Amino acid sequence: MNKHILSILFLVLTLCNLSVSAKEIEDEVNYLELASLMLKDNNIERAEIALSQVDKDVEGFEWQRFHIINGLLQVRKGDHQAAIDAFLAAKKLGEVDSVINVYLAQSAFATEQYQLAINALNDAGKAVERIPSVYHMRGQAHWLLKEHEMALAVMDQASLIFPEDASFSRRKIFYLIELGLNSTAAELGQKYLEQQQAEASDYVAIGNALRSSGNLILALRFLERAQLIFPQNADVSKALAATYISNQSYDTAANLVHRLALTDNQLMSEAAELYRRSGQRHLALTLNSTIENQEQKLKQRLGLLIELENYEQAANMEDDIKRVRIDSDENILYAMAYALFKVGDYPKAERYLSRITDTQLFQKAVEIRKIMADCADEAWRCQ
């Protein structure tokens, strides 16, 4: 009996010791440190769980470190505003490492708080003076705040610090173009292209920016030179063609796109359209016959035949249009109705007109109906 009682007592004491040991282990776990380690291992979910278990009521709690780790966690989660709040809370408790200021700047930039981004980079101090991306962020933040002179000054400063990095000169060129300083931009762009081993994409980017700004002459100058240097580059040809289109030089643009279309049939309809705009409708029709996409081909062909006043052929496209199932397009309905009207098939024309609901096309349909009614009354006037 005594032995049995002693055994029970021993078991109870053992369980008590185990309970105390478990509590001691739990107390010894530094969840703040664990969260930091989980973040370093990119284990975001576990880091968040560890951070939620931190006991903030302990004496001498590291509040600043808690806010920093929480901020880094929010950055990883993509919650930039929460990251900003955490980093600012940490900064209120004292100085933080430069890298934390950079994280703060990145989150501020992501949430379009550009002045806060600049302030954070300023607080980062000399430790970030040799980081190129910092200058790009600072310059763009000034630019988006409409502080254009400061943005340009940052690019100039960065170019002096990183003379081998051409990205700052490149960005400055685009800033100048946006400011409408196209001549200055073109001059700097020319130097940039000569000094750097410029790729086709550099010419295209500058040419497109100049075109968007409305300076077609300078855009053409850059892109025509690029065409000579990179004659087989499709992007250069496309950019040059787009600039010729903006300049309403449709024939030259058509030649460029036609050349590209020989190896990329998807561009054939665009080449045909450009020939049409340049007045070469028969050549456009010839190119149209080589288009592989049947929907594109038939839509364009119907329009071309009507422009050429070849109404008989246009009216005969009815079966092809139904086969490709483009007869639900109201522009096609109107074009077919017009062609049938012109060849005198009024009943069929009316069937197409009756399906039109678009306001502008409906008004045109009313006019055709009126003419058809007049012709029915006095057929001799429509022969």
Protein backbone atom coordinates (compact mmCIF):
# COMPACT_ATOMS: atom_id res chain seq x y z
CA MET A 1 0.00 0.00 0.00
CA ASN A 2 2.75 2.41 0.99
CA LYS A 3 4.63 1.52 -2.17
CA HIS A 4 1.53 2.33 -4.24
CA ILE A 5 1.13 5.73 -2.54
CA LEU A 6 4.81 6.52 -3.06
CA SER A 7 4.53 5.66 -6.77
CA ILE A 8 1.57 8.01 -7.21
CA LEU A 9 3.38 10.78 -5.34
CA PHE A 10 6.47 10.32 -7.50
CA LEU A 11 4.34 10.53 -10.67
CA VAL A 12 2.63 13.75 -9.51
CA LEU A 13 5.97 15.38 -8.69
CA THR A 14 7.38 14.34 -12.07
CA LEU A 15 4.42 15.86 -13.92
CA CYS A 16 4.79 19.07 -11.94
CA ASN A 17 8.47 19.25 -12.85
CA LEU A 18 7.65 18.67 -16.52
CA SER A 19 5.05 21.45 -16.40
CA VAL A 20 7.54 23.82 -14.83
CA SER A 21 10.20 22.84 -17.38
CA ALA A 22 7.79 23.45 -20.29
CA LYS A 23 6.93 26.87 -18.89
CA GLU A 24 10.61 27.69 -18.46
CA ILE A 25 11.27 26.67 -22.09
CA GLU A 26 8.36 28.81 -23.26
CA ASP A 27 9.68 31.74 -21.24
CA GLU A 28 13.14 31.27 -22.70
CA VAL A 29 11.90 31.48 -26.34
CA ASN A 30 12.70 34.91 -27.77
CA TYR A 31 9.88 35.31 -30.28
CA LEU A 32 11.26 38.63 -31.48
CA GLU A 33 14.54 36.96 -32.38
CA LEU A 34 12.65 34.02 -33.88
CA ALA A 35 10.59 36.37 -36.09
CA SER A 36 13.81 38.01 -37.26
CA LEU A 37 15.34 34.63 -38.17
CA MET A 38 12.16 33.55 -39.99
CA LEU A 39 12.27 36.76 -42.05
CA LYS A 40 15.91 36.15 -42.98
CA ASP A 41 14.87 32.69 -44.20
CA ASN A 42 12.02 34.34 -46.14
CA ASN A 43 9.48 32.37 -44.11
CA ILE A 44 6.91 35.15 -43.90
CA GLU A 45 4.02 33.17 -42.37
CA ARG A 46 6.13 31.81 -39.52
CA ALA A 47 7.67 35.23 -38.94
CA GLU A 48 4.18 36.70 -38.58
CA ILE A 49 3.14 33.95 -36.14
CA ALA A 50 6.30 34.45 -34.05
CA LEU A 51 5.78 38.21 -33.97
CA SER A 52 2.18 37.77 -32.81
CA GLN A 53 3.44 35.73 -29.82
CA VAL A 54 5.85 38.37 -28.59
CA ASP A 55 5.16 39.38 -24.99
CA LYS A 56 5.19 43.19 -25.06
CA ASP A 57 4.51 43.50 -21.32
CA VAL A 58 7.93 42.31 -20.19
CA GLU A 59 10.19 44.81 -18.49
CA GLY A 60 12.63 46.53 -20.88
CA PHE A 61 10.76 45.38 -24.00
CA GLU A 62 12.65 46.28 -27.22
CA TRP A 63 9.93 48.38 -28.82
CA GLN A 64 12.14 49.87 -31.50
CA ARG A 65 13.35 46.46 -32.64
CA PHE A 66 9.77 45.19 -32.63
CA HIS A 67 8.66 48.04 -34.92
CA ILE A 68 11.62 47.48 -37.26
CA ILE A 69 10.98 43.74 -37.59
CA ASN A 70 7.26 44.40 -38.06
CA GLY A 71 8.09 46.98 -40.74
CA LEU A 72 10.31 44.53 -42.59
CA LEU A 73 7.57 41.90 -42.36
CA GLN A 74 5.03 44.33 -43.87
CA VAL A 75 7.43 45.14 -46.71
CA ARG A 76 7.69 41.43 -47.53
CA LYS A 77 3.88 41.16 -47.42
CA GLY A 78 3.54 44.14 -49.76
CA ASP A 79 1.61 46.23 -47.22
CA HIS A 80 3.62 49.40 -47.70
CA GLN A 81 1.46 51.70 -45.58
CA ALA A 82 1.72 49.34 -42.60
CA ALA A 83 5.48 49.21 -43.18
CA ILE A 84 5.65 53.02 -43.20
CA ASP A 85 3.72 53.22 -39.92
CA ALA A 86 6.04 50.67 -38.30
CA PHE A 87 9.26 52.34 -39.49
CA LEU A 88 8.08 55.79 -38.41
CA ALA A 89 7.20 54.37 -34.98
CA ALA A 90 10.73 52.94 -34.76
CA LYS A 91 12.28 56.29 -35.75
CA LYS A 92 10.36 58.08 -32.99
CA LEU A 93 12.24 55.92 -30.50
CA GLY A 94 15.67 56.89 -31.83
CA GLU A 95 17.98 56.63 -34.82
CA VAL A 96 17.63 53.62 -37.10
CA ASP A 97 20.06 51.98 -39.48
CA SER A 98 20.44 53.50 -42.96
CA VAL A 99 18.99 50.41 -44.60
CA ILE A 100 15.74 50.91 -42.64
CA ASN A 101 15.50 54.44 -44.02
CA VAL A 102 15.93 53.01 -47.51
CA TYR A 103 13.12 50.51 -46.88
CA LEU A 104 10.99 53.39 -45.61
CA ALA A 105 11.79 55.37 -48.77
CA GLN A 106 10.83 52.43 -50.99
CA SER A 107 7.49 51.95 -49.23
CA ALA A 108 6.81 55.69 -49.33
CA PHE A 109 7.58 55.77 -53.06
CA ALA A 110 5.32 52.77 -53.66
CA THR A 111 2.44 54.62 -51.97
CA GLU A 112 3.20 57.86 -53.86
CA GLN A 113 4.34 59.67 -50.70
CA TYR A 114 7.27 61.17 -52.55
CA GLN A 115 8.30 63.82 -50.03
CA LEU A 116 8.47 61.17 -47.31
CA ALA A 117 10.64 59.07 -49.64
CA ILE A 118 13.05 61.99 -50.12
CA ASN A 119 13.16 62.69 -46.37
CA ALA A 120 13.93 59.03 -45.63
CA LEU A 121 16.77 59.00 -48.17
CA ASN A 122 18.15 62.18 -46.60
CA ASP A 123 18.06 60.48 -43.19
CA ALA A 124 19.92 57.48 -44.63
CA GLY A 125 22.94 59.77 -44.94
CA LYS A 126 26.34 58.98 -46.41
CA ALA A 127 25.86 55.23 -46.17
CA VAL A 128 23.78 55.28 -49.38
CA GLU A 129 25.91 57.70 -51.39
CA ARG A 130 27.34 54.87 -53.52
CA ILE A 131 24.04 53.14 -54.31
CA PRO A 132 22.87 54.07 -57.85
CA SER A 133 19.24 53.07 -57.31
CA VAL A 134 18.96 55.62 -54.50
CA TYR A 135 19.64 58.43 -56.99
CA HIS A 136 17.06 57.09 -59.42
CA MET A 137 14.46 56.98 -56.65
CA ARG A 138 15.36 60.43 -55.37
CA GLY A 139 15.35 61.96 -58.86
CA GLN A 140 12.02 60.38 -59.80
CA ALA A 141 10.47 61.46 -56.49
CA HIS A 142 11.47 65.08 -57.18
CA TRP A 143 10.17 64.75 -60.74
CA LEU A 144 6.78 63.44 -59.62
CA LEU A 145 6.57 66.31 -57.12
CA LYS A 146 7.03 68.64 -60.14
CA GLU A 147 10.43 69.67 -58.75
CA HIS A 148 11.93 69.32 -62.20
CA GLU A 149 15.13 71.29 -61.61
CA MET A 150 15.95 69.17 -58.57
CA ALA A 151 15.30 65.98 -60.56
CA LEU A 152 17.69 67.11 -63.30
CA ALA A 153 20.28 68.13 -60.68
CA VAL A 154 20.10 64.67 -59.08
CA MET A 155 20.74 63.06 -62.48
CA ASP A 156 23.74 65.35 -63.06
CA GLN A 157 25.12 64.57 -59.60
CA ALA A 158 24.69 60.84 -60.13
CA SER A 159 26.41 61.01 -63.53
CA LEU A 160 29.46 62.55 -61.85
CA ILE A 161 29.52 59.92 -59.09
CA PHE A 162 28.89 57.01 -61.47
CA PRO A 163 30.49 58.08 -64.78
CA GLU A 164 30.27 54.53 -66.18
CA ASP A 165 26.53 54.28 -65.53
CA ALA A 166 24.68 55.65 -68.55
CA SER A 167 21.23 55.19 -67.02
CA PHE A 168 21.32 58.66 -65.44
CA SER A 169 22.02 60.42 -68.74
CA ARG A 170 19.28 58.33 -70.32
CA ARG A 171 16.74 59.33 -67.68
CA LYS A 172 17.77 62.98 -68.00
CA ILE A 173 17.07 62.85 -71.75
CA PHE A 174 13.50 61.70 -71.10
CA TYR A 175 13.04 64.40 -68.46
CA LEU A 176 14.15 67.04 -70.98
CA ILE A 177 11.77 65.65 -73.61
CA GLU A 178 8.86 65.76 -71.15
CA LEU A 179 9.74 69.39 -70.38
CA GLY A 180 9.58 70.16 -74.10
CA LEU A 181 13.31 70.91 -74.29
CA ASN A 182 13.61 68.73 -77.37
CA SER A 183 16.67 70.35 -78.93
CA THR A 184 18.64 70.01 -75.68
CA ALA A 185 17.36 66.45 -75.31
CA ALA A 186 18.34 65.60 -78.88
CA GLU A 187 21.84 67.01 -78.37
CA LEU A 188 22.31 65.08 -75.14
CA GLY A 189 20.76 62.02 -76.76
CA GLN A 190 23.23 62.19 -79.63
CA LYS A 191 26.16 62.37 -77.19
CA TYR A 192 24.69 59.53 -75.17
CA LEU A 193 24.35 57.30 -78.24
CA GLU A 194 27.87 58.12 -79.42
CA GLN A 195 29.57 57.64 -76.05
CA GLN A 196 27.72 54.49 -75.03
CA GLN A 197 27.55 51.32 -77.04
CA ALA A 198 23.91 52.10 -77.70
CA GLU A 199 21.51 49.32 -78.56
CA ALA A 200 18.53 49.51 -80.88
CA SER A 201 16.24 49.84 -77.84
CA ASP A 202 18.02 53.08 -76.86
CA TYR A 203 17.32 54.65 -80.25
CA VAL A 204 13.73 53.41 -80.17
CA ALA A 205 13.11 54.76 -76.65
CA ILE A 206 14.47 58.23 -77.48
CA GLY A 207 12.75 58.30 -80.88
CA ASN A 208 9.39 57.28 -79.40
CA ALA A 209 9.70 59.87 -76.64
CA LEU A 210 10.42 62.61 -79.18
CA ARG A 211 7.48 61.45 -81.30
CA SER A 212 5.16 61.51 -78.28
CA SER A 213 6.31 65.05 -77.52
CA GLY A 214 5.30 66.09 -81.04
CA ASN A 215 8.79 66.71 -82.39
CA LEU A 216 8.55 64.46 -85.43
CA ILE A 217 11.59 65.89 -87.23
CA LEU A 218 13.97 65.04 -84.39
CA ALA A 219 12.25 61.67 -83.88
CA LEU A 220 12.71 60.80 -87.55
CA ARG A 221 16.35 61.87 -87.40
CA PHE A 222 17.05 59.45 -84.52
CA LEU A 223 15.05 56.57 -85.94
CA GLU A 224 16.32 56.88 -89.52
CA ARG A 225 19.85 56.71 -88.17
CA ALA A 226 18.86 53.67 -86.13
CA GLN A 227 17.44 52.07 -89.28
CA LEU A 228 20.83 52.43 -90.96
CA ILE A 229 22.65 50.93 -87.98
CA PHE A 230 20.10 48.17 -87.26
CA PRO A 231 18.46 47.45 -90.65
CA GLN A 232 17.08 44.07 -89.54
CA ASN A 233 15.66 45.21 -86.21
CA ALA A 234 11.85 44.98 -86.26
CA ASP A 235 11.34 47.33 -83.29
CA VAL A 236 13.31 50.08 -85.04
CA SER A 237 11.25 49.64 -88.21
CA LYS A 238 7.99 49.69 -86.25
CA ALA A 239 8.98 52.84 -84.36
CA LEU A 240 10.07 54.53 -87.59
CA ALA A 241 6.82 53.52 -89.31
CA ALA A 242 4.79 54.88 -86.38
CA THR A 243 6.61 58.20 -86.68
CA TYR A 244 5.96 58.36 -90.43
CA ILE A 245 2.28 57.68 -89.70
CA SER A 246 2.23 60.55 -87.19
CA ASN A 247 3.79 62.65 -89.95
CA GLN A 248 1.06 61.41 -92.35
CA SER A 249 3.74 59.92 -94.61
CA TYR A 250 1.60 56.85 -95.20
CA ASP A 251 3.39 55.58 -98.31
CA THR A 252 6.79 55.43 -96.58
CA ALA A 253 5.21 53.87 -93.50
CA ALA A 254 3.43 51.30 -95.68
CA ASN A 255 6.70 50.26 -97.32
CA LEU A 256 8.31 49.68 -93.92
CA VAL A 257 5.38 47.71 -92.51
CA HIS A 258 5.02 45.72 -95.75
CA ARG A 259 8.64 44.64 -95.44
CA LEU A 260 8.02 43.50 -91.86
CA ALA A 261 4.82 41.72 -92.90
CA LEU A 262 6.75 39.45 -95.26
CA THR A 263 8.03 37.62 -92.17
CA ASP A 264 5.14 38.46 -89.83
CA ASN A 265 1.76 38.00 -91.51
CA GLN A 266 -0.06 39.61 -88.59
CA LEU A 267 1.22 42.97 -89.88
CA MET A 268 -0.13 42.46 -93.40
CA SER A 269 -3.52 44.04 -92.67
CA GLU A 270 -1.76 47.10 -91.24
CA ALA A 271 0.43 47.37 -94.34
CA ALA A 272 -2.67 47.13 -96.55
CA GLU A 273 -4.42 49.80 -94.49
CA LEU A 274 -1.44 52.14 -94.86
CA TYR A 275 -1.39 51.64 -98.63
CA ARG A 276 -5.13 52.42 -98.61
CA ARG A 277 -4.47 55.65 -96.70
CA SER A 278 -1.77 56.59 -99.17
CA GLY A 279 -4.31 56.20 -102.00
CA GLN A 280 -2.95 52.90 -103.35
CA ARG A 281 -6.19 50.93 -102.94
CA HIS A 282 -5.48 48.28 -105.59
CA LEU A 283 -2.12 47.50 -103.97
CA ALA A 284 -3.93 47.37 -100.62
CA LEU A 285 -6.38 44.86 -102.10
CA THR A 286 -3.48 42.74 -103.37
CA LEU A 287 -1.91 42.64 -99.91
CA ASN A 288 -5.29 41.90 -98.38
CA SER A 289 -5.50 38.65 -100.34
CA THR A 290 -2.43 37.34 -98.45
CA ILE A 291 -3.81 37.96 -94.94
CA GLU A 292 -4.12 34.70 -93.00
CA ASN A 293 -6.56 35.94 -90.36
CA GLN A 294 -9.90 35.48 -92.14
CA GLU A 295 -11.86 37.88 -89.95
CA GLN A 296 -9.36 40.71 -90.50
CA LYS A 297 -9.12 39.86 -94.18
CA LEU A 298 -12.85 39.94 -94.93
CA LYS A 299 -13.58 43.06 -92.89
CA GLN A 300 -10.82 44.97 -94.66
CA ARG A 301 -11.66 43.53 -98.08
CA LEU A 302 -15.31 44.60 -97.85
CA GLY A 303 -14.27 48.16 -97.04
CA LEU A 304 -11.74 48.28 -99.86
CA LEU A 305 -14.20 46.96 -102.46
CA ILE A 306 -16.76 49.57 -101.47
CA GLU A 307 -14.13 52.34 -101.65
CA LEU A 308 -13.20 51.08 -105.12
CA GLU A 309 -16.93 51.13 -105.97
CA ASN A 310 -16.76 47.44 -106.82
CA TYR A 311 -20.19 46.85 -105.30
CA GLU A 312 -20.90 43.59 -107.13
CA GLN A 313 -17.89 41.86 -105.56
CA ALA A 314 -18.69 43.39 -102.18
CA ALA A 315 -22.27 42.11 -102.33
CA ASN A 316 -21.01 38.65 -103.30
CA MET A 317 -19.05 38.44 -100.02
CA GLU A 318 -22.24 37.65 -98.12
CA ASP A 319 -21.60 33.90 -97.77
CA ASP A 320 -17.96 34.41 -96.71
CA ILE A 321 -19.01 36.93 -94.07
CA LYS A 322 -21.58 34.53 -92.64
CA ARG A 323 -19.06 31.69 -92.71
CA VAL A 324 -16.59 33.65 -90.59
CA ARG A 325 -19.45 34.89 -88.38
CA ILE A 326 -18.68 38.58 -88.53
CA ASP A 327 -22.21 39.53 -89.58
CA SER A 328 -22.98 40.57 -85.98
CA ASP A 329 -20.65 43.57 -86.40
CA GLU A 330 -22.95 46.50 -87.19
CA ASN A 331 -20.29 48.17 -89.35
CA ILE A 332 -20.27 45.01 -91.48
CA LEU A 333 -24.09 44.99 -91.56
CA TYR A 334 -24.14 48.56 -92.83
CA ALA A 335 -21.38 47.93 -95.41
CA MET A 336 -23.22 44.87 -96.77
CA ALA A 337 -26.52 46.78 -96.85
CA TYR A 338 -24.83 49.62 -98.73
CA ALA A 339 -23.26 47.25 -101.29
CA LEU A 340 -26.59 45.44 -101.83
CA PHE A 341 -28.36 48.78 -102.14
CA LYS A 342 -25.85 49.91 -104.79
CA VAL A 343 -26.44 46.75 -106.86
CA GLY A 344 -30.20 47.20 -106.54
CA ASP A 345 -30.98 44.29 -104.23
CA TYR A 346 -33.24 46.32 -101.92
CA PRO A 347 -34.96 43.43 -100.08
CA LYS A 348 -31.60 41.99 -98.95
CA ALA A 349 -30.31 45.47 -98.15
CA GLU A 350 -33.36 46.05 -95.94
CA ARG A 351 -32.74 42.78 -94.07
CA TYR A 352 -29.28 44.03 -93.08
CA LEU A 353 -30.50 47.55 -92.30
CA SER A 354 -33.23 46.22 -90.00
CA ARG A 355 -30.57 44.70 -87.70
CA ILE A 356 -28.75 48.00 -87.09
CA THR A 357 -29.21 49.65 -83.67
CA ASP A 358 -26.11 51.87 -83.42
CA THR A 359 -27.24 55.52 -83.33
CA GLN A 360 -24.89 56.88 -86.01
CA LEU A 361 -25.28 53.90 -88.33
CA PHE A 362 -29.05 53.92 -87.78
CA GLN A 363 -29.18 57.50 -89.09
CA LYS A 364 -27.29 56.42 -92.21
CA ALA A 365 -29.64 53.46 -92.57
CA VAL A 366 -32.62 55.85 -92.52
CA GLU A 367 -31.07 57.81 -95.39
CA ILE A 368 -30.57 54.63 -97.46
CA ARG A 369 -34.15 53.54 -96.75
CA LYS A 370 -35.39 56.94 -97.96
CA ILE A 371 -33.44 56.60 -101.21
CA MET A 372 -34.71 53.03 -101.69
CA ALA A 373 -38.28 54.24 -101.15
CA ASP A 374 -37.78 57.00 -103.71
CA CYS A 375 -36.35 54.46 -106.16
CA ALA A 376 -39.33 52.18 -105.65
CA ASP A 377 -41.68 55.04 -106.53
CA GLU A 378 -39.66 56.32 -109.46
CA ALA A 379 -37.36 53.49 -110.60
CA TRP A 380 -36.14 55.45 -113.61
CA ARG A 381 -34.32 57.89 -111.29
CA CYS A 382 -32.14 55.12 -109.81
CA GLN A 383 -31.07 53.36 -113.02
